[in-house]
């Protein structure tokens, strides 16, 4: 494989001091995003984050379940936080907003997504540049995590939540995967390959639960907090 000489020259023109200077200034932009997120969500109260594909269509059964779930969560006094996009995220935000619940969106700057969905409270509608800042907002302010069928982004967010729970970096919280048919392949791989190789413990498979309906999600959340957490506060 050959390397384009123009690429080499581009890097040769930049000294390490220039790179260091740029990195130092970048810290301030990152700090600004953290401050914006903290200001928006510090008073949000008990919340549930809903992950899922932005590509899910309105006629899809999972869209309808997410919409129903958004309403059920809001009626229980729980704020709904999503990634702000279309698909599953839009459905959950819409369900919450239509019954007068708090509906938050933590978007991300992407070249193929224009803006956040229209079902988000104005004071809880944020778009970030950095994925890691965005994920922190989910993980800091949510007391339960619901993963609907999704792609790379959903898997990233799901395993971030699982890792923090596994390592004790956050309090234990419900992590629910909606759709047995969709998640069965992943569960089989975790059990037959990852566990078999000793990369995880059997107890790690108890960090999450698979469900098929909005009602099952609500039963899991309310049952968990009745048993384990008397007072819901930010996780860290």
Protein backbone atom coordinates (compact mmCIF):
# COMPACT_ATOMS: atom_id res chain seq x y z
CA UNK A 1 0.00 0.00 0.00
CA UNK A 2 1.38 3.42 -0.94
CA UNK A 3 0.78 6.61 1.00
CA UNK A 4 -0.08 9.79 -0.87
CA UNK A 5 2.88 12.17 -0.51
CA UNK A 6 0.46 15.08 -0.10
CA UNK A 7 -0.80 13.46 3.11
CA UNK A 8 2.76 13.14 4.41
CA UNK A 9 3.54 16.78 3.61
CA UNK A 10 0.35 17.88 5.38
CA UNK A 11 1.53 16.29 8.62
CA UNK A 12 5.13 17.43 8.17
CA UNK A 13 3.98 21.06 8.14
CA UNK A 14 2.45 20.74 11.61
CA UNK A 15 4.79 20.72 14.56
CA UNK A 16 3.94 19.01 17.84
CA UNK A 17 3.76 22.43 19.46
CA UNK A 18 1.00 23.41 17.04
CA UNK A 19 -0.89 20.22 17.79
CA UNK A 20 -0.50 20.80 21.54
CA UNK A 21 -1.78 24.37 21.22
CA UNK A 22 -4.84 23.25 19.27
CA UNK A 23 -5.57 20.49 21.80
CA UNK A 24 -5.35 22.97 24.66
CA UNK A 25 -7.93 25.26 23.10
CA UNK A 26 -10.17 22.30 22.33
CA UNK A 27 -10.47 21.67 26.08
CA UNK A 28 -12.51 24.88 26.41
CA UNK A 29 -15.03 23.75 23.80
CA UNK A 30 -15.39 20.42 25.59
CA UNK A 31 -15.85 22.21 28.93
CA UNK A 32 -18.51 24.45 27.39
CA UNK A 33 -20.49 21.41 26.26
CA UNK A 34 -20.33 19.87 29.73
CA UNK A 35 -21.53 23.13 31.31
CA UNK A 36 -24.41 23.43 28.83
CA UNK A 37 -25.54 19.89 29.53
CA UNK A 38 -25.25 20.21 33.30
CA UNK A 39 -27.21 23.47 33.27
CA UNK A 40 -29.99 21.92 31.19
CA UNK A 41 -30.40 18.71 33.18
CA UNK A 42 -29.46 19.55 36.75
CA UNK A 43 -33.15 20.02 37.66
CA UNK A 44 -34.60 17.34 35.40
CA UNK A 45 -35.42 14.91 38.20
CA UNK A 46 -35.79 11.14 37.92
CA UNK A 47 -35.24 10.16 34.30
CA UNK A 48 -35.13 7.21 31.92
CA UNK A 49 -33.03 7.11 28.77
CA UNK A 50 -34.42 5.42 25.67
CA UNK A 51 -31.91 4.25 23.05
CA UNK A 52 -32.76 2.91 19.59
CA UNK A 53 -32.41 3.26 15.87
CA UNK A 54 -32.99 6.57 14.12
CA UNK A 55 -34.06 4.56 11.06
CA UNK A 56 -37.13 2.94 12.62
CA UNK A 57 -40.27 3.91 10.68
CA UNK A 58 -43.51 5.11 12.27
CA UNK A 59 -45.38 2.01 11.14
CA UNK A 60 -42.84 -0.29 12.80
CA UNK A 61 -44.05 -2.18 15.89
CA UNK A 62 -41.03 -1.01 17.90
CA UNK A 63 -41.84 2.63 17.12
CA UNK A 64 -45.31 2.07 18.57
CA UNK A 65 -43.91 0.41 21.70
CA UNK A 66 -41.47 3.29 22.23
CA UNK A 67 -44.31 5.80 21.78
CA UNK A 68 -46.44 3.96 24.33
CA UNK A 69 -43.50 3.71 26.72
CA UNK A 70 -42.83 7.46 26.55
CA UNK A 71 -46.37 8.10 27.73
CA UNK A 72 -46.24 5.51 30.50
CA UNK A 73 -42.95 6.89 31.83
CA UNK A 74 -44.27 10.45 31.81
CA UNK A 75 -47.42 9.44 33.69
CA UNK A 76 -45.19 7.95 36.39
CA UNK A 77 -43.42 11.29 36.76
CA UNK A 78 -40.26 10.14 34.98
CA UNK A 79 -38.54 12.37 32.46
CA UNK A 80 -37.71 10.81 29.11
CA UNK A 81 -34.24 11.39 27.66
CA UNK A 82 -33.31 10.29 24.14
CA UNK A 83 -30.61 10.99 21.60
CA UNK A 84 -32.94 13.57 20.07
CA UNK A 85 -33.14 12.04 16.61
CA UNK A 86 -35.93 10.43 14.57
CA UNK A 87 -37.11 6.82 14.79
CA UNK A 88 -37.24 5.25 18.24
CA UNK A 89 -36.01 8.48 19.84
CA UNK A 90 -38.77 10.53 18.26
CA UNK A 91 -41.38 7.98 19.33
CA UNK A 92 -40.38 8.08 23.00
CA UNK A 93 -40.16 11.89 23.06
CA UNK A 94 -43.53 12.18 21.35
CA UNK A 95 -45.20 9.81 23.79
CA UNK A 96 -43.87 11.78 26.75
CA UNK A 97 -44.70 15.23 25.39
CA UNK A 98 -48.25 14.35 24.40
CA UNK A 99 -49.17 13.55 28.02
CA UNK A 100 -47.39 16.60 29.41
CA UNK A 101 -44.25 14.85 30.62
CA UNK A 102 -40.69 16.14 30.53
CA UNK A 103 -39.12 15.28 27.18
CA UNK A 104 -35.37 15.79 26.67
CA UNK A 105 -33.15 15.31 23.64
CA UNK A 106 -29.35 15.07 23.60
CA UNK A 107 -28.46 15.29 19.93
CA UNK A 108 -25.17 14.93 18.11
CA UNK A 109 -23.79 16.90 15.15
CA UNK A 110 -23.83 14.55 12.16
CA UNK A 111 -23.62 15.34 8.44
CA UNK A 112 -26.65 13.15 7.63
CA UNK A 113 -29.05 14.36 10.37
CA UNK A 114 -30.46 17.87 10.13
CA UNK A 115 -31.84 18.56 13.59
CA UNK A 116 -33.46 17.06 16.67
CA UNK A 117 -37.02 15.81 16.51
CA UNK A 118 -39.84 18.30 17.28
CA UNK A 119 -41.13 16.54 20.42
CA UNK A 120 -38.51 17.84 22.86
CA UNK A 121 -38.96 20.54 25.50
CA UNK A 122 -37.22 23.71 24.39
CA UNK A 123 -35.12 23.98 27.55
CA UNK A 124 -34.01 20.34 27.30
CA UNK A 125 -33.08 20.30 23.61
CA UNK A 126 -29.30 20.17 23.20
CA UNK A 127 -26.96 19.18 20.39
CA UNK A 128 -23.35 18.26 21.09
CA UNK A 129 -20.28 17.87 18.94
CA UNK A 130 -18.65 15.17 21.05
CA UNK A 131 -20.15 11.72 21.53
CA UNK A 132 -18.47 11.25 24.91
CA UNK A 133 -20.09 14.39 26.33
CA UNK A 134 -23.44 13.25 25.02
CA UNK A 135 -23.11 9.82 26.58
CA UNK A 136 -22.18 11.33 29.92
CA UNK A 137 -25.49 13.23 29.98
CA UNK A 138 -27.40 9.99 29.46
CA UNK A 139 -25.45 8.14 32.11
CA UNK A 140 -25.31 10.88 34.72
CA UNK A 141 -28.97 11.83 34.79
CA UNK A 142 -30.84 8.59 34.01
CA UNK A 143 -31.86 5.95 36.50
CA UNK A 144 -32.84 3.34 33.90
CA UNK A 145 -31.76 2.55 30.34
CA UNK A 146 -34.01 1.09 27.67
CA UNK A 147 -32.38 -0.26 24.50
CA UNK A 148 -34.67 -0.76 21.53
CA UNK A 149 -33.42 -2.38 18.32
CA UNK A 150 -30.67 -0.25 16.85
CA UNK A 151 -27.29 -0.16 15.20
CA UNK A 152 -23.74 0.85 16.12
CA UNK A 153 -24.77 3.88 18.18
CA UNK A 154 -27.30 1.90 20.20
CA UNK A 155 -24.76 -0.85 20.87
CA UNK A 156 -22.19 1.73 21.93
CA UNK A 157 -24.59 3.31 24.41
CA UNK A 158 -25.83 -0.07 25.66
CA UNK A 159 -22.37 -1.44 26.41
CA UNK A 160 -21.28 1.82 28.02
CA UNK A 161 -24.17 1.46 30.48
CA UNK A 162 -23.41 -2.23 31.04
CA UNK A 163 -19.72 -1.53 31.66
CA UNK A 164 -20.41 1.19 34.23
CA UNK A 165 -22.86 -1.05 36.04
CA UNK A 166 -20.50 -4.05 35.90
CA UNK A 167 -17.56 -2.08 37.30
CA UNK A 168 -19.53 -0.29 40.00
CA UNK A 169 -18.85 3.15 38.57
CA UNK A 170 -22.56 3.90 38.89
CA UNK A 171 -25.27 2.60 41.19
CA UNK A 172 -27.12 -0.45 39.91
CA UNK A 173 -29.94 0.50 37.57
CA UNK A 174 -32.38 -1.32 35.28
CA UNK A 175 -30.98 -1.99 31.80
CA UNK A 176 -33.71 -3.38 29.57
CA UNK A 177 -33.48 -4.67 26.01
CA UNK A 178 -36.77 -4.47 24.13
CA UNK A 179 -37.35 -7.22 21.57
CA UNK A 180 -36.37 -10.83 22.24
CA UNK A 181 -36.26 -11.65 18.53
CA UNK A 182 -33.91 -8.76 17.78
CA UNK A 183 -31.50 -9.30 20.67
CA UNK A 184 -31.42 -13.12 20.67
CA UNK A 185 -28.31 -13.31 18.47
CA UNK A 186 -26.35 -10.98 20.75
CA UNK A 187 -27.47 -12.86 23.85
CA UNK A 188 -26.48 -16.17 22.31
CA UNK A 189 -23.01 -14.82 21.48
CA UNK A 190 -22.54 -13.46 24.99
CA UNK A 191 -23.53 -16.78 26.53
CA UNK A 192 -21.91 -19.22 24.09
CA UNK A 193 -18.74 -17.31 23.19
CA UNK A 194 -17.90 -14.49 25.61
CA UNK A 195 -18.93 -16.35 28.75
CA UNK A 196 -17.48 -19.61 27.47
CA UNK A 197 -14.10 -17.92 26.99
CA UNK A 198 -14.19 -16.55 30.53
CA UNK A 199 -14.29 -12.93 29.39
CA UNK A 200 -17.34 -12.24 31.55
CA UNK A 201 -18.88 -13.84 34.63
CA UNK A 202 -22.31 -15.50 34.73
CA UNK A 203 -23.48 -12.69 37.00
CA UNK A 204 -22.72 -10.16 34.23
CA UNK A 205 -25.60 -11.62 32.25
CA UNK A 206 -27.88 -10.53 35.08
CA UNK A 207 -27.04 -6.84 34.53
CA UNK A 208 -29.83 -6.61 31.96
CA UNK A 209 -33.22 -8.06 31.19
CA UNK A 210 -34.94 -8.70 27.86
CA UNK A 211 -38.60 -7.69 27.48
CA UNK A 212 -41.14 -7.38 24.70
CA UNK A 213 -43.59 -4.66 25.76
CA UNK A 214 -43.86 -1.21 27.30
CA UNK A 215 -45.73 -2.72 30.24
CA UNK A 216 -42.86 -5.10 30.97
CA UNK A 217 -40.46 -2.17 30.93
CA UNK A 218 -42.56 -0.28 33.46
CA UNK A 219 -42.94 -3.32 35.71
CA UNK A 220 -39.16 -3.79 35.74
CA UNK A 221 -38.43 -0.14 36.51
CA UNK A 222 -41.00 0.31 39.26
CA UNK A 223 -40.17 -3.05 40.81
CA UNK A 224 -36.45 -2.29 40.82
CA UNK A 225 -36.78 1.05 42.53
CA UNK A 226 -39.29 -0.19 45.05
CA UNK A 227 -36.73 -2.79 46.08
CA UNK A 228 -33.34 -1.14 45.68
CA UNK A 229 -33.42 2.65 45.47
CA UNK A 230 -35.51 4.83 47.72
CA UNK A 231 -34.27 8.10 46.35
CA UNK A 232 -33.29 8.80 42.76
CA UNK A 233 -30.42 11.24 42.27
CA UNK A 234 -27.77 11.76 39.54
CA UNK A 235 -25.53 8.71 39.26
CA UNK A 236 -22.20 10.50 39.70
